[in-house]
Amino acid sequence: MTYLLLALGFLALATTVAVLAYRAKTPPAGWRAIALAAAALLTLTAVFDNLMIASGLFTYSEAHISGIGIGLAPIEDFSYPLAAVILLPALWSLLGGRHDR
């Protein structure tokens, strides 16, 4: 199994839950906050993944990555923070989280 297939599985699950939240008429509030969180997480992922790979903390088998990357970090690494930004607000809405307006 490649990292890309694994990443797509996480993104598909997160997207499914987000669609269910939207259809349940409880879309996550605060789209601006969600976008800012996504930008922050993706930026932090880019910086720290590159630092950790450059310092030799871990490596990726070339056979299991797509070859597309941002610096030294394979693009697949960015799917996990993206899935979290999609999934967590949707779960919050579905489970009746408090919305301060």
PDB file of N, CA and C in Angstrom:
ATOM      1  N   MET A   1       0.844  -1.183   0.000  1.00  0.00           N
ATOM      2  CA  MET A   1       0.000   0.000   0.000  1.00  0.00           C
ATOM      3  C   MET A   1       0.886   1.242   0.000  1.00  0.00           C
ATOM      4  N   THR A   2       0.496   2.202  -0.806  1.00  0.00           N
ATOM      5  CA  THR A   2       1.260   3.440  -0.851  1.00  0.00           C
ATOM      6  C   THR A   2       0.688   4.443   0.149  1.00  0.00           C
ATOM      7  N   TYR A   3       1.512   5.415   0.497  1.00  0.00           N
ATOM      8  CA  TYR A   3       1.065   6.464   1.408  1.00  0.00           C
ATOM      9  C   TYR A   3      -0.072   7.271   0.786  1.00  0.00           C
ATOM     10  N   LEU A   4      -0.076   7.399  -0.534  1.00  0.00           N
ATOM     11  CA  LEU A   4      -1.120   8.156  -1.208  1.00  0.00           C
ATOM     12  C   LEU A   4      -2.480   7.483  -1.027  1.00  0.00           C
ATOM     13  N   LEU A   5      -2.543   6.168  -1.162  1.00  0.00           N
ATOM     14  CA  LEU A   5      -3.806   5.450  -0.948  1.00  0.00           C
ATOM     15  C   LEU A   5      -4.282   5.591   0.491  1.00  0.00           C
ATOM     16  N   LEU A   6      -3.367   5.503   1.425  1.00  0.00           N
ATOM     17  CA  LEU A   6      -3.707   5.670   2.832  1.00  0.00           C
ATOM     18  C   LEU A   6      -4.225   7.088   3.091  1.00  0.00           C
ATOM     19  N   ALA A   7      -3.567   8.072   2.521  1.00  0.00           N
ATOM     20  CA  ALA A   7      -3.975   9.468   2.688  1.00  0.00           C
ATOM     21  C   ALA A   7      -5.349   9.706   2.078  1.00  0.00           C
ATOM     22  N   LEU A   8      -5.596   9.142   0.899  1.00  0.00           N
ATOM     23  CA  LEU A   8      -6.899   9.303   0.262  1.00  0.00           C
ATOM     24  C   LEU A   8      -8.005   8.675   1.098  1.00  0.00           C
ATOM     25  N   GLY A   9      -7.707   7.582   1.777  1.00  0.00           N
ATOM     26  CA  GLY A   9      -8.685   6.962   2.676  1.00  0.00           C
ATOM     27  C   GLY A   9      -9.069   7.895   3.814  1.00  0.00           C
ATOM     28  N   PHE A  10      -8.075   8.544   4.430  1.00  0.00           N
ATOM     29  CA  PHE A  10      -8.347   9.496   5.506  1.00  0.00           C
ATOM     30  C   PHE A  10      -9.170  10.680   4.994  1.00  0.00           C
ATOM     31  N   LEU A  11      -8.805  11.190   3.826  1.00  0.00           N
ATOM     32  CA  LEU A  11      -9.540  12.327   3.264  1.00  0.00           C
ATOM     33  C   LEU A  11     -10.966  11.942   2.885  1.00  0.00           C
ATOM     34  N   ALA A  12     -11.157  10.738   2.369  1.00  0.00           N
ATOM     35  CA  ALA A  12     -12.499  10.279   2.011  1.00  0.00           C
ATOM     36  C   ALA A  12     -13.376  10.155   3.256  1.00  0.00           C
ATOM     37  N   LEU A  13     -12.828   9.615   4.322  1.00  0.00           N
ATOM     38  CA  LEU A  13     -13.576   9.497   5.574  1.00  0.00           C
ATOM     39  C   LEU A  13     -13.956  10.874   6.111  1.00  0.00           C
ATOM     40  N   ALA A  14     -13.006  11.783   6.151  1.00  0.00           N
ATOM     41  CA  ALA A  14     -13.268  13.141   6.655  1.00  0.00           C
ATOM     42  C   ALA A  14     -14.315  13.844   5.804  1.00  0.00           C
ATOM     43  N   THR A  15     -14.210  13.715   4.501  1.00  0.00           N
ATOM     44  CA  THR A  15     -15.162  14.356   3.600  1.00  0.00           C
ATOM     45  C   THR A  15     -16.555  13.763   3.758  1.00  0.00           C
ATOM     46  N   THR A  16     -16.649  12.462   3.939  1.00  0.00           N
ATOM     47  CA  THR A  16     -17.941  11.806   4.150  1.00  0.00           C
ATOM     48  C   THR A  16     -18.624  12.334   5.404  1.00  0.00           C
ATOM     49  N   VAL A  17     -17.879  12.455   6.480  1.00  0.00           N
ATOM     50  CA  VAL A  17     -18.451  12.976   7.727  1.00  0.00           C
ATOM     51  C   VAL A  17     -18.870  14.433   7.550  1.00  0.00           C
ATOM     52  N   ALA A  18     -18.074  15.222   6.835  1.00  0.00           N
ATOM     53  CA  ALA A  18     -18.422  16.624   6.596  1.00  0.00           C
ATOM     54  C   ALA A  18     -19.695  16.741   5.762  1.00  0.00           C
ATOM     55  N   VAL A  19     -19.850  15.889   4.763  1.00  0.00           N
ATOM     56  CA  VAL A  19     -21.067  15.892   3.947  1.00  0.00           C
ATOM     57  C   VAL A  19     -22.268  15.493   4.799  1.00  0.00           C
ATOM     58  N   LEU A  20     -22.094  14.508   5.665  1.00  0.00           N
ATOM     59  CA  LEU A  20     -23.182  14.110   6.567  1.00  0.00           C
ATOM     60  C   LEU A  20     -23.574  15.257   7.493  1.00  0.00           C
ATOM     61  N   ALA A  21     -22.610  15.989   7.990  1.00  0.00           N
ATOM     62  CA  ALA A  21     -22.891  17.139   8.856  1.00  0.00           C
ATOM     63  C   ALA A  21     -23.647  18.211   8.077  1.00  0.00           C
ATOM     64  N   TYR A  22     -23.253  18.444   6.851  1.00  0.00           N
ATOM     65  CA  TYR A  22     -23.926  19.451   6.036  1.00  0.00           C
ATOM     66  C   TYR A  22     -25.362  19.044   5.732  1.00  0.00           C
ATOM     67  N   ARG A  23     -25.560  17.768   5.400  1.00  0.00           N
ATOM     68  CA  ARG A  23     -26.909  17.273   5.096  1.00  0.00           C
ATOM     69  C   ARG A  23     -27.796  17.230   6.332  1.00  0.00           C
ATOM     70  N   ALA A  24     -27.208  17.110   7.496  1.00  0.00           N
ATOM     71  CA  ALA A  24     -27.978  17.091   8.745  1.00  0.00           C
ATOM     72  C   ALA A  24     -28.352  18.506   9.169  1.00  0.00           C
ATOM     73  N   LYS A  25     -28.086  19.470   8.310  1.00  0.00           N
ATOM     74  CA  LYS A  25     -28.398  20.874   8.576  1.00  0.00           C
ATOM     75  C   LYS A  25     -27.627  21.429   9.767  1.00  0.00           C
ATOM     76  N   THR A  26     -26.470  20.839  10.035  1.00  0.00           N
ATOM     77  CA  THR A  26     -25.615  21.358  11.103  1.00  0.00           C
ATOM     78  C   THR A  26     -24.215  21.623  10.555  1.00  0.00           C
ATOM     79  N   PRO A  27     -24.117  22.460   9.507  1.00  0.00           N
ATOM     80  CA  PRO A  27     -22.780  22.719   8.971  1.00  0.00           C
ATOM     81  C   PRO A  27     -21.923  23.424  10.018  1.00  0.00           C
ATOM     82  N   PRO A  28     -20.646  23.124  10.032  1.00  0.00           N
ATOM     83  CA  PRO A  28     -19.765  23.774  11.001  1.00  0.00           C
ATOM     84  C   PRO A  28     -19.800  25.295  10.847  1.00  0.00           C
ATOM     85  N   ALA A  29     -19.895  25.955  11.959  1.00  0.00           N
ATOM     86  CA  ALA A  29     -19.863  27.421  11.945  1.00  0.00           C
ATOM     87  C   ALA A  29     -18.410  27.881  11.890  1.00  0.00           C
ATOM     88  N   GLY A  30     -18.220  29.096  11.481  1.00  0.00           N
ATOM     89  CA  GLY A  30     -16.880  29.669  11.530  1.00  0.00           C
ATOM     90  C   GLY A  30     -15.973  29.221  10.408  1.00  0.00           C
ATOM     91  N   TRP A  31     -16.418  29.351   9.150  1.00  0.00           N
ATOM     92  CA  TRP A  31     -15.593  28.935   8.023  1.00  0.00           C
ATOM     93  C   TRP A  31     -14.276  29.692   7.976  1.00  0.00           C
ATOM     94  N   ARG A  32     -14.289  30.934   8.420  1.00  0.00           N
ATOM     95  CA  ARG A  32     -13.036  31.708   8.430  1.00  0.00           C
ATOM     96  C   ARG A  32     -12.039  31.083   9.399  1.00  0.00           C
ATOM     97  N   ALA A  33     -12.521  30.690  10.578  1.00  0.00           N
ATOM     98  CA  ALA A  33     -11.649  30.045  11.568  1.00  0.00           C
ATOM     99  C   ALA A  33     -11.119  28.721  11.042  1.00  0.00           C
ATOM    100  N   ILE A  34     -11.962  27.979  10.349  1.00  0.00           N
ATOM    101  CA  ILE A  34     -11.536  26.695   9.782  1.00  0.00           C
ATOM    102  C   ILE A  34     -10.450  26.917   8.728  1.00  0.00           C
ATOM    103  N   ALA A  35     -10.627  27.924   7.878  1.00  0.00           N
ATOM    104  CA  ALA A  35      -9.627  28.229   6.845  1.00  0.00           C
ATOM    105  C   ALA A  35      -8.306  28.672   7.468  1.00  0.00           C
ATOM    106  N   LEU A  36      -8.383  29.497   8.521  1.00  0.00           N
ATOM    107  CA  LEU A  36      -7.154  29.927   9.201  1.00  0.00           C
ATOM    108  C   LEU A  36      -6.448  28.746   9.874  1.00  0.00           C
ATOM    109  N   ALA A  37      -7.220  27.850  10.481  1.00  0.00           N
ATOM    110  CA  ALA A  37      -6.630  26.657  11.102  1.00  0.00           C
ATOM    111  C   ALA A  37      -5.960  25.783  10.047  1.00  0.00           C
ATOM    112  N   ALA A  38      -6.608  25.638   8.894  1.00  0.00           N
ATOM    113  CA  ALA A  38      -6.028  24.845   7.808  1.00  0.00           C
ATOM    114  C   ALA A  38      -4.710  25.451   7.338  1.00  0.00           C
ATOM    115  N   ALA A  39      -4.698  26.759   7.153  1.00  0.00           N
ATOM    116  CA  ALA A  39      -3.465  27.429   6.708  1.00  0.00           C
ATOM    117  C   ALA A  39      -2.350  27.254   7.728  1.00  0.00           C
ATOM    118  N   ALA A  40      -2.688  27.410   9.009  1.00  0.00           N
ATOM    119  CA  ALA A  40      -1.674  27.263  10.057  1.00  0.00           C
ATOM    120  C   ALA A  40      -1.145  25.832  10.115  1.00  0.00           C
ATOM    121  N   LEU A  41      -2.038  24.848  10.086  1.00  0.00           N
ATOM    122  CA  LEU A  41      -1.595  23.452  10.164  1.00  0.00           C
ATOM    123  C   LEU A  41      -0.766  23.036   8.955  1.00  0.00           C
ATOM    124  N   LEU A  42      -1.174  23.468   7.775  1.00  0.00           N
ATOM    125  CA  LEU A  42      -0.416  23.107   6.575  1.00  0.00           C
ATOM    126  C   LEU A  42       0.956  23.782   6.555  1.00  0.00           C
ATOM    127  N   THR A  43       1.022  25.016   7.031  1.00  0.00           N
ATOM    128  CA  THR A  43       2.312  25.717   7.122  1.00  0.00           C
ATOM    129  C   THR A  43       3.230  25.028   8.122  1.00  0.00           C
ATOM    130  N   LEU A  44       2.686  24.711   9.294  1.00  0.00           N
ATOM    131  CA  LEU A  44       3.491  24.017  10.316  1.00  0.00           C
ATOM    132  C   LEU A  44       3.953  22.641   9.827  1.00  0.00           C
ATOM    133  N   THR A  45       3.078  21.955   9.106  1.00  0.00           N
ATOM    134  CA  THR A  45       3.454  20.652   8.548  1.00  0.00           C
ATOM    135  C   THR A  45       4.607  20.814   7.573  1.00  0.00           C
ATOM    136  N   ALA A  46       4.529  21.807   6.706  1.00  0.00           N
ATOM    137  CA  ALA A  46       5.600  22.038   5.731  1.00  0.00           C
ATOM    138  C   ALA A  46       6.925  22.323   6.426  1.00  0.00           C
ATOM    139  N   VAL A  47       6.900  23.202   7.396  1.00  0.00           N
ATOM    140  CA  VAL A  47       8.135  23.592   8.079  1.00  0.00           C
ATOM    141  C   VAL A  47       8.724  22.415   8.857  1.00  0.00           C
ATOM    142  N   PHE A  48       7.927  21.815   9.729  1.00  0.00           N
ATOM    143  CA  PHE A  48       8.492  20.808  10.620  1.00  0.00           C
ATOM    144  C   PHE A  48       8.756  19.473   9.942  1.00  0.00           C
ATOM    145  N   ASP A  49       7.955  19.074   8.961  1.00  0.00           N
ATOM    146  CA  ASP A  49       8.274  17.851   8.219  1.00  0.00           C
ATOM    147  C   ASP A  49       9.604  18.009   7.495  1.00  0.00           C
ATOM    148  N   ASN A  50       9.807  19.163   6.858  1.00  0.00           N
ATOM    149  CA  ASN A  50      11.067  19.387   6.161  1.00  0.00           C
ATOM    150  C   ASN A  50      12.252  19.374   7.122  1.00  0.00           C
ATOM    151  N   LEU A  51      12.086  20.002   8.286  1.00  0.00           N
ATOM    152  CA  LEU A  51      13.173  19.990   9.280  1.00  0.00           C
ATOM    153  C   LEU A  51      13.476  18.573   9.774  1.00  0.00           C
ATOM    154  N   MET A  52      12.445  17.804  10.061  1.00  0.00           N
ATOM    155  CA  MET A  52      12.662  16.449  10.576  1.00  0.00           C
ATOM    156  C   MET A  52      13.272  15.528   9.528  1.00  0.00           C
ATOM    157  N   ILE A  53      12.828  15.664   8.273  1.00  0.00           N
ATOM    158  CA  ILE A  53      13.402  14.845   7.207  1.00  0.00           C
ATOM    159  C   ILE A  53      14.846  15.255   6.941  1.00  0.00           C
ATOM    160  N   ALA A  54      15.101  16.560   6.911  1.00  0.00           N
ATOM    161  CA  ALA A  54      16.460  17.053   6.665  1.00  0.00           C
ATOM    162  C   ALA A  54      17.425  16.630   7.761  1.00  0.00           C
ATOM    163  N   SER A  55      16.955  16.550   9.000  1.00  0.00           N
ATOM    164  CA  SER A  55      17.837  16.158  10.103  1.00  0.00           C
ATOM    165  C   SER A  55      18.004  14.647  10.204  1.00  0.00           C
ATOM    166  N   GLY A  56      17.283  13.905   9.387  1.00  0.00           N
ATOM    167  CA  GLY A  56      17.446  12.462   9.367  1.00  0.00           C
ATOM    168  C   GLY A  56      16.627  11.711  10.408  1.00  0.00           C
ATOM    169  N   LEU A  57      15.621  12.359  10.991  1.00  0.00           N
ATOM    170  CA  LEU A  57      14.783  11.666  11.971  1.00  0.00           C
ATOM    171  C   LEU A  57      13.993  10.528  11.346  1.00  0.00           C
ATOM    172  N   PHE A  58      13.586  10.696  10.100  1.00  0.00           N
ATOM    173  CA  PHE A  58      12.906   9.617   9.392  1.00  0.00           C
ATOM    174  C   PHE A  58      13.061   9.811   7.893  1.00  0.00           C
ATOM    175  N   THR A  59      12.787   8.756   7.167  1.00  0.00           N
ATOM    176  CA  THR A  59      12.846   8.783   5.708  1.00  0.00           C
ATOM    177  C   THR A  59      11.626   8.064   5.151  1.00  0.00           C
ATOM    178  N   TYR A  60      11.401   8.232   3.875  1.00  0.00           N
ATOM    179  CA  TYR A  60      10.309   7.557   3.185  1.00  0.00           C
ATOM    180  C   TYR A  60      10.886   6.675   2.092  1.00  0.00           C
ATOM    181  N   SER A  61      10.313   5.506   1.939  1.00  0.00           N
ATOM    182  CA  SER A  61      10.693   4.633   0.843  1.00  0.00           C
ATOM    183  C   SER A  61      10.162   5.234  -0.452  1.00  0.00           C
ATOM    184  N   GLU A  62      11.023   5.409  -1.417  1.00  0.00           N
ATOM    185  CA  GLU A  62      10.611   5.986  -2.695  1.00  0.00           C
ATOM    186  C   GLU A  62       9.520   5.156  -3.367  1.00  0.00           C
ATOM    187  N   ALA A  63       9.462   3.876  -3.067  1.00  0.00           N
ATOM    188  CA  ALA A  63       8.460   3.005  -3.676  1.00  0.00           C
ATOM    189  C   ALA A  63       7.064   3.277  -3.151  1.00  0.00           C
ATOM    190  N   HIS A  64       6.953   3.943  -2.006  1.00  0.00           N
ATOM    191  CA  HIS A  64       5.645   4.133  -1.378  1.00  0.00           C
ATOM    192  C   HIS A  64       5.125   5.560  -1.421  1.00  0.00           C
ATOM    193  N   ILE A  65       5.865   6.487  -2.000  1.00  0.00           N
ATOM    194  CA  ILE A  65       5.399   7.873  -2.089  1.00  0.00           C
ATOM    195  C   ILE A  65       5.171   8.245  -3.552  1.00  0.00           C
ATOM    196  N   SER A  66       4.381   9.300  -3.759  1.00  0.00           N
ATOM    197  CA  SER A  66       4.029   9.701  -5.123  1.00  0.00           C
ATOM    198  C   SER A  66       5.170  10.400  -5.850  1.00  0.00           C
ATOM    199  N   GLY A  67       6.109  10.960  -5.106  1.00  0.00           N
ATOM    200  CA  GLY A  67       7.198  11.700  -5.716  1.00  0.00           C
ATOM    201  C   GLY A  67       6.937  13.192  -5.765  1.00  0.00           C
ATOM    202  N   ILE A  68       5.704  13.583  -5.500  1.00  0.00           N
ATOM    203  CA  ILE A  68       5.357  15.003  -5.439  1.00  0.00           C
ATOM    204  C   ILE A  68       5.610  15.466  -4.014  1.00  0.00           C
ATOM    205  N   GLY A  69       6.254  16.605  -3.863  1.00  0.00           N
ATOM    206  CA  GLY A  69       6.541  17.065  -2.518  1.00  0.00           C
ATOM    207  C   GLY A  69       6.661  18.562  -2.415  1.00  0.00           C
ATOM    208  N   ILE A  70       6.672  19.021  -1.192  1.00  0.00           N
ATOM    209  CA  ILE A  70       6.946  20.422  -0.885  1.00  0.00           C
ATOM    210  C   ILE A  70       8.249  20.400  -0.103  1.00  0.00           C
ATOM    211  N   GLY A  71       9.306  20.800  -0.765  1.00  0.00           N
ATOM    212  CA  GLY A  71      10.627  20.626  -0.178  1.00  0.00           C
ATOM    213  C   GLY A  71      10.916  19.136  -0.097  1.00  0.00           C
ATOM    214  N   LEU A  72      11.304  18.669   1.074  1.00  0.00           N
ATOM    215  CA  LEU A  72      11.587  17.253   1.275  1.00  0.00           C
ATOM    216  C   LEU A  72      10.353  16.457   1.680  1.00  0.00           C
ATOM    217  N   ALA A  73       9.286  17.147   2.061  1.00  0.00           N
ATOM    218  CA  ALA A  73       8.083  16.486   2.569  1.00  0.00           C
ATOM    219  C   ALA A  73       7.192  16.013   1.420  1.00  0.00           C
ATOM    220  N   PRO A  74       6.839  14.725   1.414  1.00  0.00           N
ATOM    221  CA  PRO A  74       5.933  14.247   0.371  1.00  0.00           C
ATOM    222  C   PRO A  74       4.544  14.852   0.555  1.00  0.00           C
ATOM    223  N   ILE A  75       3.860  15.054  -0.541  1.00  0.00           N
ATOM    224  CA  ILE A  75       2.542  15.683  -0.517  1.00  0.00           C
ATOM    225  C   ILE A  75       1.555  14.892   0.349  1.00  0.00           C
ATOM    226  N   GLU A  76       1.772  13.601   0.483  1.00  0.00           N
ATOM    227  CA  GLU A  76       0.882  12.770   1.293  1.00  0.00           C
ATOM    228  C   GLU A  76       0.846  13.211   2.757  1.00  0.00           C
ATOM    229  N   ASP A  77       1.942  13.767   3.245  1.00  0.00           N
ATOM    230  CA  ASP A  77       1.997  14.221   4.635  1.00  0.00           C
ATOM    231  C   ASP A  77       1.014  15.346   4.922  1.00  0.00           C
ATOM    232  N   PHE A  78       0.615  16.062   3.911  1.00  0.00           N
ATOM    233  CA  PHE A  78      -0.288  17.196   4.099  1.00  0.00           C
ATOM    234  C   PHE A  78      -1.744  16.779   4.172  1.00  0.00           C
ATOM    235  N   SER A  79      -2.024  15.526   3.847  1.00  0.00           N
ATOM    236  CA  SER A  79      -3.411  15.065   3.884  1.00  0.00           C
ATOM    237  C   SER A  79      -3.919  14.890   5.312  1.00  0.00           C
ATOM    238  N   TYR A  80      -3.054  14.564   6.246  1.00  0.00           N
ATOM    239  CA  TYR A  80      -3.507  14.306   7.614  1.00  0.00           C
ATOM    240  C   TYR A  80      -3.957  15.576   8.329  1.00  0.00           C
ATOM    241  N   PRO A  81      -3.209  16.680   8.278  1.00  0.00           N
ATOM    242  CA  PRO A  81      -3.749  17.908   8.878  1.00  0.00           C
ATOM    243  C   PRO A  81      -4.985  18.415   8.131  1.00  0.00           C
ATOM    244  N   LEU A  82      -5.017  18.226   6.814  1.00  0.00           N
ATOM    245  CA  LEU A  82      -6.185  18.632   6.051  1.00  0.00           C
ATOM    246  C   LEU A  82      -7.407  17.813   6.462  1.00  0.00           C
ATOM    247  N   ALA A  83      -7.233  16.509   6.630  1.00  0.00           N
ATOM    248  CA  ALA A  83      -8.336  15.653   7.078  1.00  0.00           C
ATOM    249  C   ALA A  83      -8.812  16.070   8.465  1.00  0.00           C
ATOM    250  N   ALA A  84      -7.894  16.438   9.331  1.00  0.00           N
ATOM    251  CA  ALA A  84      -8.277  16.870  10.679  1.00  0.00           C
ATOM    252  C   ALA A  84      -9.096  18.150  10.635  1.00  0.00           C
ATOM    253  N   VAL A  85      -8.706  19.088   9.767  1.00  0.00           N
ATOM    254  CA  VAL A  85      -9.434  20.351   9.656  1.00  0.00           C
ATOM    255  C   VAL A  85     -10.825  20.130   9.057  1.00  0.00           C
ATOM    256  N   ILE A  86     -10.978  19.141   8.223  1.00  0.00           N
ATOM    257  CA  ILE A  86     -12.292  18.824   7.657  1.00  0.00           C
ATOM    258  C   ILE A  86     -13.139  18.048   8.670  1.00  0.00           C
ATOM    259  N   LEU A  87     -12.527  17.067   9.316  1.00  0.00           N
ATOM    260  CA  LEU A  87     -13.261  16.132  10.176  1.00  0.00           C
ATOM    261  C   LEU A  87     -13.686  16.725  11.511  1.00  0.00           C
ATOM    262  N   LEU A  88     -12.799  17.392  12.212  1.00  0.00           N
ATOM    263  CA  LEU A  88     -13.104  17.815  13.579  1.00  0.00           C
ATOM    264  C   LEU A  88     -14.250  18.814  13.677  1.00  0.00           C
ATOM    265  N   PRO A  89     -14.307  19.865  12.845  1.00  0.00           N
ATOM    266  CA  PRO A  89     -15.475  20.748  12.929  1.00  0.00           C
ATOM    267  C   PRO A  89     -16.784  20.036  12.555  1.00  0.00           C
ATOM    268  N   ALA A  90     -16.715  19.112  11.601  1.00  0.00           N
ATOM    269  CA  ALA A  90     -17.915  18.361  11.207  1.00  0.00           C
ATOM    270  C   ALA A  90     -18.393  17.487  12.360  1.00  0.00           C
ATOM    271  N   LEU A  91     -17.477  16.808  13.029  1.00  0.00           N
ATOM    272  CA  LEU A  91     -17.856  16.000  14.195  1.00  0.00           C
ATOM    273  C   LEU A  91     -18.422  16.867  15.305  1.00  0.00           C
ATOM    274  N   TRP A  92     -17.801  18.010  15.522  1.00  0.00           N
ATOM    275  CA  TRP A  92     -18.274  18.945  16.544  1.00  0.00           C
ATOM    276  C   TRP A  92     -19.743  19.319  16.270  1.00  0.00           C
ATOM    277  N   SER A  93     -20.040  19.622  15.013  1.00  0.00           N
ATOM    278  CA  SER A  93     -21.401  19.986  14.645  1.00  0.00           C
ATOM    279  C   SER A  93     -22.364  18.814  14.776  1.00  0.00           C
ATOM    280  N   LEU A  94     -21.957  17.651  14.311  1.00  0.00           N
ATOM    281  CA  LEU A  94     -22.826  16.479  14.386  1.00  0.00           C
ATOM    282  C   LEU A  94     -23.123  16.056  15.817  1.00  0.00           C
ATOM    283  N   LEU A  95     -22.157  16.222  16.692  1.00  0.00           N
ATOM    284  CA  LEU A  95     -22.332  15.777  18.074  1.00  0.00           C
ATOM    285  C   LEU A  95     -22.917  16.861  18.973  1.00  0.00           C
ATOM    286  N   GLY A  96     -23.370  17.940  18.363  1.00  0.00           N
ATOM    287  CA  GLY A  96     -24.069  18.969  19.125  1.00  0.00           C
ATOM    288  C   GLY A  96     -23.186  19.919  19.863  1.00  0.00           C
ATOM    289  N   GLY A  97     -22.008  20.210  19.339  1.00  0.00           N
ATOM    290  CA  GLY A  97     -21.100  21.152  19.980  1.00  0.00           C
ATOM    291  C   GLY A  97     -21.711  22.525  20.100  1.00  0.00           C
ATOM    292  N   ARG A  98     -21.267  23.250  21.076  1.00  0.00           N
ATOM    293  CA  ARG A  98     -21.785  24.591  21.359  1.00  0.00           C
ATOM    294  C   ARG A  98     -21.297  25.563  20.279  1.00  0.00           C
ATOM    295  N   HIS A  99     -22.180  26.409  19.825  1.00  0.00           N
ATOM    296  CA  HIS A  99     -21.833  27.443  18.836  1.00  0.00           C
ATOM    297  C   HIS A  99     -22.014  28.795  19.474  1.00  0.00           C
ATOM    298  N   ASP A 100     -20.932  29.477  19.750  1.00  0.00           N
ATOM    299  CA  ASP A 100     -21.005  30.852  20.265  1.00  0.00           C
ATOM    300  C   ASP A 100     -21.064  31.787  19.079  1.00  0.00           C
ATOM    301  N   ARG A 101     -22.001  32.669  19.079  1.00  0.00           N
ATOM    302  CA  ARG A 101     -22.129  33.621  17.966  1.00  0.00           C
ATOM    303  C   ARG A 101     -21.982  35.009  18.487  1.00  0.00           C
TER     304      ARG A 101
END
